[in-house]
Amino acid sequence: GEDVKEALMEALSSNLWYIRKNAANALLEYGLTREENEELLHAEDTYAREMFGYVLELRNQKIINRGEGA
């Protein structure tokens, strides 16, 4: 539920990069609203913002690449 989403959002601020990366991946799998995506892409925490943007870009690139191979 919402408590899981909140915990994952908090994990984006971890000092450990792999925890931030796993949290970002999990949030994308969990599903976010457009507002939540925008909130994370403009977060004050630089590490959280950059990791979420990085993982989002990787996911978008995979989608694009799948479309080109079809």
N, C-alpha and C. Protein backbone atom coordinates (compact mmCIF):
# COMPACT_ATOMS: atom_id res chain seq x y z
N GLY A 1 0.80 -1.18 0.00
CA GLY A 1 0.00 0.00 0.00
C GLY A 1 0.85 1.26 0.00
N GLU A 2 0.26 2.30 0.46
CA GLU A 2 0.93 3.60 0.49
C GLU A 2 2.15 3.60 1.39
N ASP A 3 2.13 2.79 2.47
CA ASP A 3 3.28 2.75 3.37
C ASP A 3 4.51 2.19 2.66
N VAL A 4 4.31 1.25 1.75
CA VAL A 4 5.43 0.69 0.97
C VAL A 4 6.00 1.77 0.06
N LYS A 5 5.13 2.50 -0.60
CA LYS A 5 5.57 3.57 -1.50
C LYS A 5 6.35 4.63 -0.73
N GLU A 6 5.86 5.00 0.44
CA GLU A 6 6.56 5.99 1.26
C GLU A 6 7.93 5.49 1.70
N ALA A 7 8.02 4.22 2.07
CA ALA A 7 9.30 3.65 2.48
C ALA A 7 10.30 3.64 1.32
N LEU A 8 9.82 3.32 0.12
CA LEU A 8 10.69 3.33 -1.05
C LEU A 8 11.15 4.75 -1.38
N MET A 9 10.27 5.71 -1.23
CA MET A 9 10.65 7.10 -1.48
C MET A 9 11.71 7.56 -0.48
N GLU A 10 11.57 7.14 0.76
CA GLU A 10 12.58 7.46 1.76
C GLU A 10 13.91 6.77 1.44
N ALA A 11 13.85 5.55 0.92
CA ALA A 11 15.06 4.81 0.58
C ALA A 11 15.85 5.49 -0.54
N LEU A 12 15.19 6.30 -1.35
CA LEU A 12 15.89 7.05 -2.39
C LEU A 12 16.91 8.02 -1.81
N SER A 13 16.79 8.34 -0.54
CA SER A 13 17.73 9.25 0.11
C SER A 13 18.84 8.53 0.88
N SER A 14 18.95 7.24 0.68
CA SER A 14 19.98 6.45 1.37
C SER A 14 21.37 6.93 0.97
N ASN A 15 22.33 6.72 1.85
CA ASN A 15 23.73 7.02 1.55
C ASN A 15 24.32 6.00 0.59
N LEU A 16 23.66 4.86 0.43
CA LEU A 16 24.18 3.78 -0.40
C LEU A 16 23.51 3.80 -1.77
N TRP A 17 24.33 3.89 -2.82
CA TRP A 17 23.81 4.05 -4.18
C TRP A 17 22.94 2.87 -4.60
N TYR A 18 23.31 1.64 -4.20
CA TYR A 18 22.54 0.49 -4.64
C TYR A 18 21.18 0.42 -3.98
N ILE A 19 21.05 0.98 -2.79
CA ILE A 19 19.73 1.05 -2.15
C ILE A 19 18.88 2.08 -2.89
N ARG A 20 19.48 3.21 -3.26
CA ARG A 20 18.74 4.22 -4.05
C ARG A 20 18.30 3.63 -5.39
N LYS A 21 19.19 2.89 -6.04
CA LYS A 21 18.87 2.31 -7.35
C LYS A 21 17.74 1.28 -7.22
N ASN A 22 17.84 0.41 -6.23
CA ASN A 22 16.79 -0.59 -6.03
C ASN A 22 15.46 0.06 -5.67
N ALA A 23 15.50 1.11 -4.88
CA ALA A 23 14.26 1.82 -4.52
C ALA A 23 13.64 2.47 -5.75
N ALA A 24 14.47 3.09 -6.58
CA ALA A 24 13.95 3.71 -7.80
C ALA A 24 13.33 2.67 -8.73
N ASN A 25 14.01 1.55 -8.92
CA ASN A 25 13.46 0.48 -9.75
C ASN A 25 12.14 -0.04 -9.18
N ALA A 26 12.10 -0.24 -7.88
CA ALA A 26 10.89 -0.76 -7.24
C ALA A 26 9.74 0.24 -7.39
N LEU A 27 10.03 1.53 -7.25
CA LEU A 27 8.98 2.54 -7.41
C LEU A 27 8.42 2.53 -8.82
N LEU A 28 9.28 2.36 -9.81
CA LEU A 28 8.80 2.31 -11.19
C LEU A 28 7.96 1.06 -11.43
N GLU A 29 8.34 -0.05 -10.83
CA GLU A 29 7.55 -1.28 -10.94
C GLU A 29 6.22 -1.15 -10.20
N TYR A 30 6.27 -0.48 -9.07
CA TYR A 30 5.08 -0.30 -8.24
C TYR A 30 4.04 0.55 -8.96
N GLY A 31 4.53 1.53 -9.69
CA GLY A 31 3.63 2.43 -10.40
C GLY A 31 3.43 3.72 -9.63
N LEU A 32 3.73 4.82 -10.30
CA LEU A 32 3.60 6.14 -9.69
C LEU A 32 2.67 7.00 -10.53
N THR A 33 2.06 7.96 -9.88
CA THR A 33 1.25 8.92 -10.61
C THR A 33 2.18 9.90 -11.32
N ARG A 34 1.66 10.65 -12.25
CA ARG A 34 2.45 11.67 -12.94
C ARG A 34 3.00 12.68 -11.92
N GLU A 35 2.18 13.04 -10.95
CA GLU A 35 2.60 14.00 -9.92
C GLU A 35 3.77 13.45 -9.10
N GLU A 36 3.69 12.17 -8.75
CA GLU A 36 4.78 11.56 -7.98
C GLU A 36 6.06 11.50 -8.79
N ASN A 37 5.95 11.17 -10.07
CA ASN A 37 7.13 11.18 -10.95
C ASN A 37 7.76 12.57 -10.97
N GLU A 38 6.94 13.59 -11.16
CA GLU A 38 7.45 14.96 -11.21
C GLU A 38 8.08 15.36 -9.88
N GLU A 39 7.46 14.94 -8.79
CA GLU A 39 7.99 15.25 -7.46
C GLU A 39 9.40 14.66 -7.31
N LEU A 40 9.57 13.42 -7.73
CA LEU A 40 10.87 12.77 -7.60
C LEU A 40 11.90 13.36 -8.56
N LEU A 41 11.47 13.76 -9.74
CA LEU A 41 12.40 14.36 -10.71
C LEU A 41 12.83 15.77 -10.32
N HIS A 42 12.10 16.37 -9.37
CA HIS A 42 12.45 17.71 -8.90
C HIS A 42 12.73 17.73 -7.40
N ALA A 43 13.09 16.58 -6.85
CA ALA A 43 13.35 16.47 -5.41
C ALA A 43 14.53 17.35 -5.00
N GLU A 44 14.49 17.83 -3.77
CA GLU A 44 15.60 18.62 -3.24
C GLU A 44 16.85 17.77 -3.06
N ASP A 45 16.68 16.51 -2.73
CA ASP A 45 17.80 15.60 -2.53
C ASP A 45 18.42 15.26 -3.88
N THR A 46 19.62 15.76 -4.11
CA THR A 46 20.28 15.58 -5.40
C THR A 46 20.48 14.11 -5.74
N TYR A 47 20.92 13.32 -4.77
CA TYR A 47 21.17 11.90 -5.02
C TYR A 47 19.89 11.17 -5.40
N ALA A 48 18.81 11.45 -4.69
CA ALA A 48 17.52 10.82 -4.99
C ALA A 48 17.05 11.23 -6.37
N ARG A 49 17.12 12.52 -6.66
CA ARG A 49 16.68 13.04 -7.95
C ARG A 49 17.47 12.43 -9.11
N GLU A 50 18.80 12.40 -8.97
CA GLU A 50 19.63 11.87 -10.04
C GLU A 50 19.45 10.37 -10.24
N MET A 51 19.32 9.62 -9.16
CA MET A 51 19.14 8.18 -9.30
C MET A 51 17.79 7.86 -9.92
N PHE A 52 16.74 8.55 -9.50
CA PHE A 52 15.44 8.29 -10.07
C PHE A 52 15.44 8.64 -11.56
N GLY A 53 16.03 9.77 -11.91
CA GLY A 53 16.11 10.16 -13.31
C GLY A 53 16.92 9.17 -14.13
N TYR A 54 18.01 8.67 -13.57
CA TYR A 54 18.86 7.69 -14.25
C TYR A 54 18.09 6.40 -14.53
N VAL A 55 17.42 5.88 -13.53
CA VAL A 55 16.67 4.63 -13.67
C VAL A 55 15.50 4.82 -14.63
N LEU A 56 14.85 5.97 -14.57
CA LEU A 56 13.75 6.26 -15.49
C LEU A 56 14.26 6.32 -16.93
N GLU A 57 15.41 6.95 -17.14
CA GLU A 57 15.98 7.04 -18.48
C GLU A 57 16.36 5.65 -19.00
N LEU A 58 16.94 4.80 -18.15
CA LEU A 58 17.26 3.43 -18.57
C LEU A 58 16.01 2.67 -18.99
N ARG A 59 14.95 2.83 -18.21
CA ARG A 59 13.70 2.14 -18.54
C ARG A 59 13.14 2.65 -19.86
N ASN A 60 13.16 3.95 -20.07
CA ASN A 60 12.65 4.52 -21.32
C ASN A 60 13.49 4.05 -22.51
N GLN A 61 14.80 3.95 -22.32
CA GLN A 61 15.67 3.50 -23.40
C GLN A 61 15.38 2.04 -23.76
N LYS A 62 15.11 1.21 -22.76
CA LYS A 62 14.75 -0.19 -23.02
C LYS A 62 13.46 -0.28 -23.83
N ILE A 63 12.50 0.56 -23.49
CA ILE A 63 11.22 0.57 -24.21
C ILE A 63 11.44 0.99 -25.66
N ILE A 64 12.25 2.01 -25.86
CA ILE A 64 12.54 2.48 -27.21
C ILE A 64 13.25 1.38 -28.00
N ASN A 65 14.23 0.75 -27.38
CA ASN A 65 14.98 -0.29 -28.06
C ASN A 65 14.11 -1.49 -28.43
N ARG A 66 13.17 -1.83 -27.57
CA ARG A 66 12.25 -2.93 -27.89
C ARG A 66 11.39 -2.58 -29.10
N GLY A 67 11.00 -1.33 -29.20
CA GLY A 67 10.18 -0.88 -30.32
C GLY A 67 10.94 -0.91 -31.62
N GLU A 68 12.24 -0.64 -31.59
CA GLU A 68 13.05 -0.64 -32.80
C GLU A 68 13.32 -2.05 -33.30
N GLY A 69 13.36 -3.00 -32.36
CA GLY A 69 13.66 -4.38 -32.75
C GLY A 69 12.45 -5.15 -33.24
N ALA A 70 11.29 -4.59 -33.07
CA ALA A 70 10.05 -5.28 -33.46
C ALA A 70 9.81 -5.24 -34.95
